[in-house]
Amino acid sequence: MDIEFQSVEEIRLLQERLLSQQIAYVSQHSPYYKSMFAALDIDVKTIKSIADLQKLPFTDKKDLQLYNEDFLCVPKVDIVDYITTSGTLGDPVTFGCTENDLQRLAYNEHKSFACAGIQKGDILQLMTTMDKRFMAGLAYWLGIRDLGASIIRVGNGIPELQWDTIMRIKPNAIMCVPSFILRLIEYAEANNIDYRHSSIKKIIGIGEGLRDQDFNLNLLGQKIHEKWPEVQLFATYSSTEMSATFSECEYGCGGHVHPELIIVEIIGEDNLPVPDGQVGEVVITTLGVEGMPLLRFRTGDIAAKVLQPCQCGRNSYRLTPLVGRKNNMIKLKGTTIYPPAINDVLDNTDYVVNYVVRVVTSAAGTDDVIVQVGCRTSLEEDAIIKDLKDRFRSKLRVAPHVQILPIEDIQKVNFPAKSRKPIKFIDGRTH
C-alpha cells in the first residue's frame, strides 16, 4: 500500500528509518558532511528523529557553490547524468545523478502525475525543455514513461508548433509554465482555433503558482480558468535540490509530499521550526538520493504545512502554495534565479557600463524582470538586446526583458542622493 495512504504514525516511522539510513550514508560518503560533522563534533548516531535534525546546521546554495564537488558521494564514473541549477553567487551549481537517482526521479514523477490523475492511456504534451542541463524535463519524461502514459516532447515556446501538435496527436494533458497558457490562448484566438473544444482536459503547471493560501485560484489561475473553464488545473512545486515534487490532487488543497523521498521542515526567522500551519522557510532533507544528498537545505521559499487529511485519502502532509521568496529570490518563467546571477552576466559583458535590475509583478501575477542597461558599443540597439538575451539564456536558461538607456540615467539610479551603496536591484513586486 502506498505510504501516503497509511497512518500519520506509520509515515513518521518510515521517514525516521529512512533518515537514519541517509545520515549514515552521508557520514560515510560525503566529504562535505563528514568534514562538517567532525568540525562541529556531531555524533550522527544521535540523529534518529525528525526533531533531531535541529542538531545539524543548515545547508544553503552558497555552500553548494563553494564546495560543490565535496557534496558528491560517489565516484564520478558512477554519474550518468549532470544537471545544473542557479546559485546565489552567479555560477550554476552542478548536480550529478546516478542510475539509482534517475530511477528515484522516475518514481517521484510517476507518483506526482498519478496524484494529478494521469494514468496509462493518457497523452501528455511536455512544453518544457529536456536539454540545457535542466533536470525537470528529464524527470517528467522518466515519470510518464514509468507510469505507462504517453508523452510528446515539444519543448517550450512556439505556440504555433504547440497547437499543431495538439491538433495532430490530440493529447489530453499539458505540462508547462502556467503563464505560457495565456500565450497559447492568445494565439488560438488570433488564429480561430477552437481551443475550448480541443482534446486538452488537464493542465499541470510548473514553476509558477496557481492558487493562493486559501487554495482559491490566484490571479493567473483565474485568468486561465475564465478563458478555458473546461480544463482542470493542477499546480506543482519542485526544485533540483529537492529531487522531489509536491503535486496537487484533484481537490487542489496543497502539494502532497512523497514521504519516502523527502523530509520538510518549516523554519521561522529564529531558525527554529514554526508551529504546524504557520508559514516559514521550506527546509528539506532528501531521502534515498545517492549522488548528492542534502541535509537541511534552505530553499528560500516560504510556505506552510497542511496536516489535515486530504479528501483524496492521503494522510501525508501537504505544502501550501508559496507565500513568497526569501530575500530577493525571483521566479522568472518557471526558473528560480537570484539577482547576483543576473549581475554576473552583465558584469562579464565588456560593453555594459552600468545597469539596474527591476523586478515587478506582471498583469498575470508572476515575476517580471526588466534589465535596464547603459552601454558603450558600436552595436545597434536590437543587436545589443539580442546578444544580452542570448547570454542570459546561456547562463540562466531564461532571459529577462532588456532596455537600453543612457549611461547617465542609469548612473542616477545606481547612486541616488544619501545612499552609501550603489543600487543595482529594485524590487517593485506587490505581495
Protein backbone atom coordinates (compact mmCIF):
# COMPACT_ATOMS: atom_id res chain seq x y z
CA MET A 1 0.00 0.00 0.00
CA ASP A 2 1.23 3.50 -0.86
CA ILE A 3 2.73 5.05 2.30
CA GLU A 4 0.81 8.30 1.66
CA PHE A 5 -2.46 6.48 2.42
CA GLN A 6 -1.19 4.90 5.63
CA SER A 7 -1.47 6.44 9.09
CA VAL A 8 0.42 9.53 10.18
CA GLU A 9 2.32 7.42 12.70
CA GLU A 10 3.36 4.89 10.05
CA ILE A 11 4.51 7.75 7.81
CA ARG A 12 6.60 9.22 10.64
CA LEU A 13 8.22 5.89 11.47
CA LEU A 14 9.13 5.32 7.81
CA GLN A 15 10.63 8.79 7.45
CA GLU A 16 12.74 8.39 10.58
CA ARG A 17 14.00 4.98 9.47
CA LEU A 18 14.96 6.40 6.07
CA LEU A 19 16.51 9.45 7.74
CA SER A 20 18.80 7.22 9.83
CA GLN A 21 19.88 5.46 6.64
CA GLN A 22 20.55 8.75 4.83
CA ILE A 23 22.54 10.19 7.76
CA ALA A 24 24.66 7.03 7.92
CA TYR A 25 25.21 7.19 4.16
CA VAL A 26 26.39 10.81 4.03
CA SER A 27 28.57 10.34 7.11
CA GLN A 28 30.45 7.65 5.18
CA HIS A 29 30.42 9.03 1.64
CA SER A 30 30.02 12.83 1.62
CA PRO A 31 33.31 14.75 2.04
CA TYR A 32 31.34 17.91 2.86
CA TYR A 33 29.16 16.41 5.57
CA LYS A 34 31.94 14.24 7.02
CA SER A 35 34.02 17.39 7.45
CA MET A 36 31.08 19.28 8.93
CA PHE A 37 30.24 16.52 11.41
CA ALA A 38 33.85 16.40 12.54
CA ALA A 39 34.26 20.17 12.81
CA LEU A 40 31.12 20.52 14.93
CA ASP A 41 31.69 17.31 16.89
CA ILE A 42 28.31 15.90 15.86
CA ASP A 43 27.57 12.28 16.74
CA VAL A 44 25.45 11.16 13.79
CA LYS A 45 24.12 8.20 15.78
CA THR A 46 22.08 10.66 17.85
CA ILE A 47 20.14 11.82 14.76
CA LYS A 48 17.24 9.39 14.97
CA SER A 49 14.08 11.50 14.77
CA ILE A 50 12.92 14.39 12.62
CA ALA A 51 13.20 16.63 15.68
CA ASP A 52 16.88 15.58 15.97
CA LEU A 53 17.58 17.33 12.66
CA GLN A 54 17.79 20.55 14.66
CA LYS A 55 21.17 19.33 15.91
CA LEU A 56 22.52 19.88 12.38
CA PRO A 57 23.35 23.22 10.73
CA PHE A 58 21.59 24.30 7.55
CA THR A 59 22.94 23.82 4.04
CA ASP A 60 22.38 26.62 1.53
CA LYS A 61 23.18 27.37 -2.09
CA LYS A 62 26.32 29.24 -1.17
CA ASP A 63 27.68 26.03 0.40
CA LEU A 64 26.82 24.12 -2.77
CA GLN A 65 28.71 26.65 -4.87
CA LEU A 66 31.78 26.99 -2.70
CA TYR A 67 32.18 23.25 -2.03
CA ASN A 68 30.26 21.78 -4.95
CA GLU A 69 32.28 18.61 -5.57
CA ASP A 70 32.58 17.90 -1.85
CA PHE A 71 28.85 17.08 -1.81
CA LEU A 72 29.36 14.26 -4.31
CA CYS A 73 29.05 10.87 -2.60
CA VAL A 74 30.04 8.57 -5.46
CA PRO A 75 32.99 8.28 -7.86
CA LYS A 76 32.45 10.34 -10.99
CA VAL A 77 32.46 7.16 -13.04
CA ASP A 78 29.10 6.35 -11.42
CA ILE A 79 27.47 9.62 -12.55
CA VAL A 80 25.21 9.02 -15.56
CA ASP A 81 23.65 12.50 -15.85
CA TYR A 82 24.85 16.01 -14.95
CA ILE A 83 22.45 18.89 -14.40
CA THR A 84 22.82 22.42 -13.03
CA THR A 85 20.79 24.93 -11.09
CA SER A 86 21.34 28.63 -10.43
CA GLY A 87 23.14 29.79 -7.30
CA THR A 88 23.49 32.86 -5.11
CA LEU A 89 26.98 33.68 -6.37
CA GLY A 90 26.03 33.62 -10.05
CA ASP A 91 27.73 30.43 -11.26
CA PRO A 92 25.42 27.41 -11.63
CA VAL A 93 25.58 24.60 -9.09
CA THR A 94 26.31 21.21 -10.63
CA PHE A 95 24.47 18.06 -9.56
CA GLY A 96 25.48 14.54 -10.54
CA CYS A 97 22.84 11.83 -10.76
CA THR A 98 23.50 8.11 -10.58
CA GLU A 99 21.36 5.47 -12.28
CA ASN A 100 19.57 4.93 -8.95
CA ASP A 101 18.91 8.69 -8.71
CA LEU A 102 17.28 8.69 -12.15
CA GLN A 103 15.13 5.73 -11.14
CA ARG A 104 14.17 7.67 -8.00
CA LEU A 105 13.26 10.69 -10.18
CA ALA A 106 11.07 8.47 -12.33
CA TYR A 107 9.35 7.08 -9.23
CA ASN A 108 8.82 10.61 -7.88
CA GLU A 109 7.22 11.89 -11.07
CA HIS A 110 5.21 8.68 -11.53
CA LYS A 111 3.61 9.35 -8.15
CA SER A 112 3.17 13.07 -8.86
CA PHE A 113 1.46 12.51 -12.21
CA ALA A 114 -0.74 9.82 -10.66
CA CYS A 115 -1.68 12.32 -7.94
CA ALA A 116 -2.91 14.63 -10.72
CA GLY A 117 -4.94 11.80 -12.22
CA ILE A 118 -2.64 10.92 -15.13
CA GLN A 119 -2.78 7.22 -16.00
CA LYS A 120 -1.86 4.69 -18.65
CA GLY A 121 -3.55 5.64 -21.92
CA ASP A 122 -3.27 9.40 -21.32
CA ILE A 123 -1.12 11.55 -23.60
CA LEU A 124 0.80 14.46 -22.05
CA GLN A 125 2.32 17.26 -24.11
CA LEU A 126 5.52 18.46 -22.45
CA MET A 127 6.13 22.16 -23.03
CA THR A 128 9.44 22.42 -21.22
CA THR A 129 12.98 21.69 -22.32
CA MET A 130 14.75 18.39 -21.77
CA ASP A 131 18.17 19.82 -22.59
CA LYS A 132 20.30 22.75 -21.32
CA ARG A 133 21.29 20.76 -18.20
CA PHE A 134 17.69 21.01 -16.96
CA MET A 135 16.51 18.33 -14.51
CA ALA A 136 12.76 18.94 -14.70
CA GLY A 137 12.12 17.99 -18.33
CA LEU A 138 14.10 14.78 -17.96
CA ALA A 139 12.29 13.94 -14.73
CA TYR A 140 8.87 14.42 -16.34
CA TRP A 141 9.81 12.19 -19.27
CA LEU A 142 11.10 9.49 -16.93
CA GLY A 143 7.96 9.68 -14.80
CA ILE A 144 5.48 9.45 -17.67
CA ARG A 145 7.45 6.55 -19.14
CA ASP A 146 7.44 4.77 -15.76
CA LEU A 147 3.70 5.42 -15.38
CA GLY A 148 2.96 3.91 -18.77
CA ALA A 149 1.31 7.00 -20.24
CA SER A 150 2.44 8.67 -23.47
CA ILE A 151 4.44 11.88 -23.80
CA ILE A 152 5.05 14.36 -26.61
CA ARG A 153 8.34 16.25 -26.18
CA VAL A 154 7.60 19.55 -27.90
CA GLY A 155 9.75 21.82 -25.71
CA ASN A 156 8.99 25.34 -24.57
CA GLY A 157 7.58 28.27 -26.53
CA ILE A 158 6.39 28.35 -30.16
CA PRO A 159 2.56 28.46 -29.79
CA GLU A 160 2.13 27.54 -33.47
CA LEU A 161 4.02 24.27 -33.01
CA GLN A 162 2.20 23.54 -29.77
CA TRP A 163 -1.23 23.88 -31.42
CA ASP A 164 -0.16 21.93 -34.48
CA THR A 165 0.88 19.12 -32.14
CA ILE A 166 -2.34 19.27 -30.13
CA MET A 167 -4.48 19.06 -33.26
CA ARG A 168 -2.29 16.38 -34.81
CA ILE A 169 -1.80 13.98 -31.86
CA LYS A 170 -4.66 15.05 -29.55
CA PRO A 171 -3.05 14.90 -26.10
CA ASN A 172 -5.42 15.21 -23.15
CA ALA A 173 -2.92 16.90 -20.80
CA ILE A 174 -0.40 19.75 -20.99
CA MET A 175 2.58 20.41 -18.73
CA CYS A 176 4.11 23.88 -18.84
CA VAL A 177 4.74 27.17 -17.05
CA PRO A 178 1.16 28.44 -16.40
CA SER A 179 1.73 31.93 -17.80
CA PHE A 180 2.51 30.32 -21.17
CA ILE A 181 -1.09 29.09 -21.30
CA LEU A 182 -2.20 32.69 -21.75
CA ARG A 183 0.05 32.92 -24.82
CA LEU A 184 -1.43 29.68 -26.15
CA ILE A 185 -4.93 31.07 -25.69
CA GLU A 186 -3.97 34.39 -27.31
CA TYR A 187 -2.54 32.56 -30.32
CA ALA A 188 -5.60 30.31 -30.59
CA GLU A 189 -7.97 33.27 -30.52
CA ALA A 190 -5.93 35.14 -33.14
CA ASN A 191 -5.92 32.10 -35.44
CA ASN A 192 -9.51 30.90 -34.97
CA ILE A 193 -8.52 27.74 -33.09
CA ASP A 194 -11.43 26.35 -31.06
CA TYR A 195 -9.25 25.63 -28.04
CA ARG A 196 -12.17 25.21 -25.65
CA HIS A 197 -13.27 22.13 -27.59
CA SER A 198 -9.78 20.70 -28.10
CA SER A 199 -8.53 17.40 -26.67
CA ILE A 200 -6.94 19.11 -23.65
CA LYS A 201 -8.62 18.26 -20.33
CA LYS A 202 -5.82 18.91 -17.81
CA ILE A 203 -3.05 21.49 -17.37
CA ILE A 204 -0.23 20.71 -14.94
CA GLY A 205 1.65 23.87 -14.04
CA ILE A 206 5.33 24.09 -13.13
CA GLY A 207 7.41 26.93 -11.76
CA GLU A 208 4.51 29.30 -11.02
CA GLY A 209 1.67 29.10 -8.52
CA LEU A 210 -1.98 28.83 -9.49
CA ARG A 211 -3.59 29.23 -6.06
CA ASP A 212 -3.47 31.50 -3.02
CA GLN A 213 -3.09 30.46 0.61
CA ASP A 214 -6.80 29.66 0.85
CA PHE A 215 -6.41 27.31 -2.15
CA ASN A 216 -8.51 29.55 -4.37
CA LEU A 217 -7.19 30.29 -7.85
CA ASN A 218 -4.84 33.27 -7.83
CA LEU A 219 -4.84 35.99 -10.50
CA LEU A 220 -3.03 33.84 -13.04
CA GLY A 221 -5.19 30.79 -12.30
CA GLN A 222 -8.36 32.87 -12.58
CA LYS A 223 -7.33 34.26 -15.95
CA ILE A 224 -6.69 30.78 -17.31
CA HIS A 225 -9.92 29.40 -15.85
CA GLU A 226 -12.03 32.28 -17.20
CA LYS A 227 -10.67 31.73 -20.68
CA TRP A 228 -10.54 27.93 -20.57
CA PRO A 229 -13.03 26.67 -17.96
CA GLU A 230 -13.18 23.19 -19.49
CA VAL A 231 -9.68 22.24 -18.29
CA GLN A 232 -8.68 21.10 -14.80
CA LEU A 233 -5.70 22.97 -13.33
CA PHE A 234 -3.00 21.35 -11.19
CA ALA A 235 -0.03 23.11 -9.58
CA THR A 236 3.29 21.52 -8.67
CA TYR A 237 6.27 22.66 -6.63
CA SER A 238 9.76 21.23 -7.01
CA SER A 239 13.41 22.11 -7.36
CA THR A 240 16.62 20.47 -8.50
CA GLU A 241 17.95 20.37 -4.94
CA MET A 242 14.85 18.51 -3.69
CA SER A 243 14.84 15.82 -6.37
CA ALA A 244 11.17 15.57 -5.42
CA THR A 245 7.84 17.14 -6.36
CA PHE A 246 4.82 18.35 -4.40
CA SER A 247 1.80 17.84 -6.64
CA GLU A 248 -1.84 18.78 -6.14
CA CYS A 249 -4.53 16.13 -6.37
CA GLU A 250 -7.96 16.78 -7.87
CA TYR A 251 -9.03 18.68 -4.74
CA GLY A 252 -6.38 21.38 -5.17
CA CYS A 253 -5.64 21.82 -1.45
CA GLY A 254 -1.85 21.91 -1.46
CA GLY A 255 1.03 19.88 -2.82
CA HIS A 256 1.25 16.33 -1.46
CA VAL A 257 4.62 15.24 -0.09
CA HIS A 258 6.01 11.86 -1.06
CA PRO A 259 7.27 10.98 2.44
CA GLU A 260 9.60 8.23 1.31
CA LEU A 261 11.57 10.78 -0.75
CA ILE A 262 11.88 13.93 1.34
CA ILE A 263 11.55 15.44 4.82
CA VAL A 264 10.32 19.02 5.11
CA GLU A 265 10.85 21.42 7.98
CA ILE A 266 9.24 24.86 8.08
CA ILE A 267 11.69 27.26 9.71
CA GLY A 268 10.98 30.69 11.19
CA GLU A 269 13.14 33.81 11.37
CA ASP A 270 14.73 32.44 14.56
CA ASN A 271 15.90 29.37 12.58
CA LEU A 272 13.65 27.13 14.65
CA PRO A 273 10.67 25.12 13.38
CA VAL A 274 7.42 27.09 13.43
CA PRO A 275 4.19 25.61 14.84
CA ASP A 276 2.35 23.44 12.33
CA GLY A 277 0.21 25.51 9.98
CA GLN A 278 2.34 28.65 10.23
CA VAL A 279 4.40 29.91 7.30
CA GLY A 280 8.17 29.83 7.25
CA GLU A 281 11.08 28.88 5.04
CA VAL A 282 10.91 25.46 3.41
CA VAL A 283 13.95 23.42 4.51
CA ILE A 284 14.37 19.96 3.02
CA THR A 285 16.34 16.79 3.69
CA THR A 286 16.45 14.36 0.78
CA LEU A 287 15.88 10.65 1.32
CA GLY A 288 17.32 7.96 -0.91
CA VAL A 289 19.49 10.28 -3.03
CA GLU A 290 22.75 8.57 -3.92
CA GLY A 291 24.80 11.12 -5.89
CA MET A 292 24.40 14.40 -3.98
CA PRO A 293 22.08 14.07 -0.96
CA LEU A 294 21.36 17.20 1.07
CA LEU A 295 20.67 17.69 4.77
CA ARG A 296 18.55 20.64 5.94
CA PHE A 297 18.82 22.56 2.66
CA ARG A 298 17.33 26.07 2.79
CA THR A 299 15.19 26.56 -0.31
CA GLY A 300 14.44 30.22 0.34
CA ASP A 301 10.75 29.54 -0.40
CA ILE A 302 8.07 30.47 2.12
CA ALA A 303 5.12 28.14 2.72
CA ALA A 304 3.26 26.24 5.45
CA LYS A 305 2.42 22.62 6.15
CA VAL A 306 -1.16 21.37 5.97
CA LEU A 307 -1.60 18.42 8.33
CA GLN A 308 -5.31 17.68 7.96
CA PRO A 309 -6.03 14.56 5.88
CA CYS A 310 -6.99 15.31 2.29
CA GLN A 311 -10.31 14.29 0.74
CA CYS A 312 -8.33 12.11 -1.67
CA GLY A 313 -7.46 9.79 1.24
CA ARG A 314 -3.76 10.65 1.54
CA ASN A 315 -2.56 11.21 5.11
CA SER A 316 0.85 12.67 4.29
CA TYR A 317 1.16 16.39 4.93
CA ARG A 318 0.88 18.94 2.15
CA LEU A 319 2.53 22.27 1.43
CA THR A 320 0.51 25.41 0.81
CA PRO A 321 1.18 27.44 -2.33
CA LEU A 322 4.31 29.54 -1.86
CA VAL A 323 3.70 32.76 0.04
CA GLY A 324 6.78 34.41 -1.42
CA ARG A 325 10.54 34.23 -1.71
CA LYS A 326 13.03 34.91 0.98
CA ASN A 327 15.19 37.94 0.28
CA ASN A 328 15.29 38.64 -3.46
CA MET A 329 14.56 35.25 -4.96
CA ILE A 330 12.97 35.57 -8.40
CA LYS A 331 10.82 33.05 -10.28
CA LEU A 332 11.28 34.02 -13.93
CA LYS A 333 9.33 31.89 -16.43
CA GLY A 334 9.39 28.97 -14.04
CA THR A 335 13.11 29.19 -13.22
CA THR A 336 14.39 30.23 -9.80
CA ILE A 337 17.15 32.82 -10.05
CA TYR A 338 18.78 35.39 -7.81
CA PRO A 339 19.92 38.92 -8.71
CA PRO A 340 23.64 38.04 -8.40
CA ALA A 341 23.20 35.53 -11.23
CA ILE A 342 21.84 38.33 -13.43
CA ASN A 343 24.61 40.65 -12.27
CA ASP A 344 27.18 38.02 -13.18
CA VAL A 345 26.07 38.03 -16.83
CA LEU A 346 26.12 41.83 -17.04
CA ASP A 347 29.38 42.24 -15.16
CA ASN A 348 31.06 39.89 -17.62
CA THR A 349 29.83 41.73 -20.73
CA ASP A 350 32.54 44.17 -21.73
CA TYR A 351 30.32 46.78 -23.42
CA VAL A 352 27.98 47.11 -20.42
CA VAL A 353 28.92 50.22 -18.45
CA ASN A 354 26.20 50.15 -15.81
CA TYR A 355 22.79 48.64 -15.18
CA VAL A 356 19.84 48.25 -12.83
CA VAL A 357 17.65 45.16 -12.44
CA ARG A 358 13.98 45.79 -11.70
CA VAL A 359 11.52 43.12 -10.63
CA VAL A 360 7.80 43.86 -10.84
CA THR A 361 4.59 41.87 -10.68
CA SER A 362 3.14 41.24 -14.14
CA ALA A 363 -0.54 41.54 -15.03
CA ALA A 364 -0.76 37.76 -14.62
CA GLY A 365 0.62 37.96 -11.07
CA THR A 366 4.04 36.44 -11.90
CA ASP A 367 7.52 37.92 -11.56
CA ASP A 368 8.63 40.12 -14.45
CA VAL A 369 12.27 41.19 -14.72
CA ILE A 370 13.41 44.28 -16.61
CA VAL A 371 17.14 44.84 -17.01
CA GLN A 372 17.97 48.43 -17.86
CA VAL A 373 21.46 48.74 -19.30
CA GLY A 374 23.83 51.56 -20.18
CA CYS A 375 26.27 50.55 -22.94
CA ARG A 376 29.29 51.80 -24.83
CA THR A 377 29.44 49.94 -28.14
CA SER A 378 29.03 50.36 -31.88
CA LEU A 379 26.34 47.68 -31.98
CA GLU A 380 22.79 48.65 -32.90
CA GLU A 381 20.25 48.55 -30.08
CA ASP A 382 18.46 45.47 -31.46
CA ALA A 383 21.78 43.63 -31.74
CA ILE A 384 22.65 44.53 -28.12
CA ILE A 385 19.32 43.25 -26.84
CA LYS A 386 19.65 40.01 -28.79
CA ASP A 387 23.22 39.46 -27.60
CA LEU A 388 22.32 40.08 -23.95
CA LYS A 389 19.30 37.78 -24.12
CA ASP A 390 21.45 35.05 -25.65
CA ARG A 391 23.93 35.49 -22.80
CA PHE A 392 21.15 35.26 -20.21
CA ARG A 393 19.69 32.12 -21.78
CA SER A 394 23.13 30.52 -21.89
CA LYS A 395 23.74 31.22 -18.22
CA LEU A 396 20.25 31.11 -16.69
CA ARG A 397 18.16 29.27 -19.32
CA VAL A 398 15.74 32.23 -19.34
CA ALA A 399 16.04 35.85 -20.49
CA PRO A 400 14.57 38.96 -18.83
CA HIS A 401 13.34 42.00 -20.72
CA VAL A 402 16.22 44.26 -21.74
CA GLN A 403 16.02 48.03 -22.14
CA ILE A 404 18.90 50.23 -23.35
CA LEU A 405 19.06 53.59 -21.56
CA PRO A 406 21.60 56.44 -21.48
CA ILE A 407 24.53 55.72 -19.19
CA GLU A 408 23.81 58.95 -17.30
CA ASP A 409 20.24 57.85 -16.50
CA ILE A 410 21.41 54.53 -15.07
CA GLN A 411 24.09 56.36 -13.08
CA LYS A 412 21.42 58.42 -11.31
CA VAL A 413 19.58 55.26 -10.29
CA ASN A 414 22.77 53.49 -9.15
CA PHE A 415 23.90 56.40 -6.98
CA PRO A 416 20.94 58.33 -5.58
CA ALA A 417 21.43 61.09 -3.05
CA LYS A 418 22.05 59.93 0.54
CA SER A 419 22.71 56.33 -0.50
CA ARG A 420 26.01 54.94 0.76
CA LYS A 421 25.93 51.91 -1.55
CA PRO A 422 25.26 51.61 -5.28
CA ILE A 423 21.75 50.40 -6.09
CA LYS A 424 21.58 47.74 -8.79
CA PHE A 425 18.43 45.88 -7.77
CA ILE A 426 14.94 47.34 -7.26
CA ASP A 427 12.14 45.06 -6.07
CA GLY A 428 8.83 46.58 -7.12
CA ARG A 429 6.72 43.45 -6.70
CA THR A 430 3.36 43.50 -4.94
CA HIS A 431 3.00 40.60 -2.49
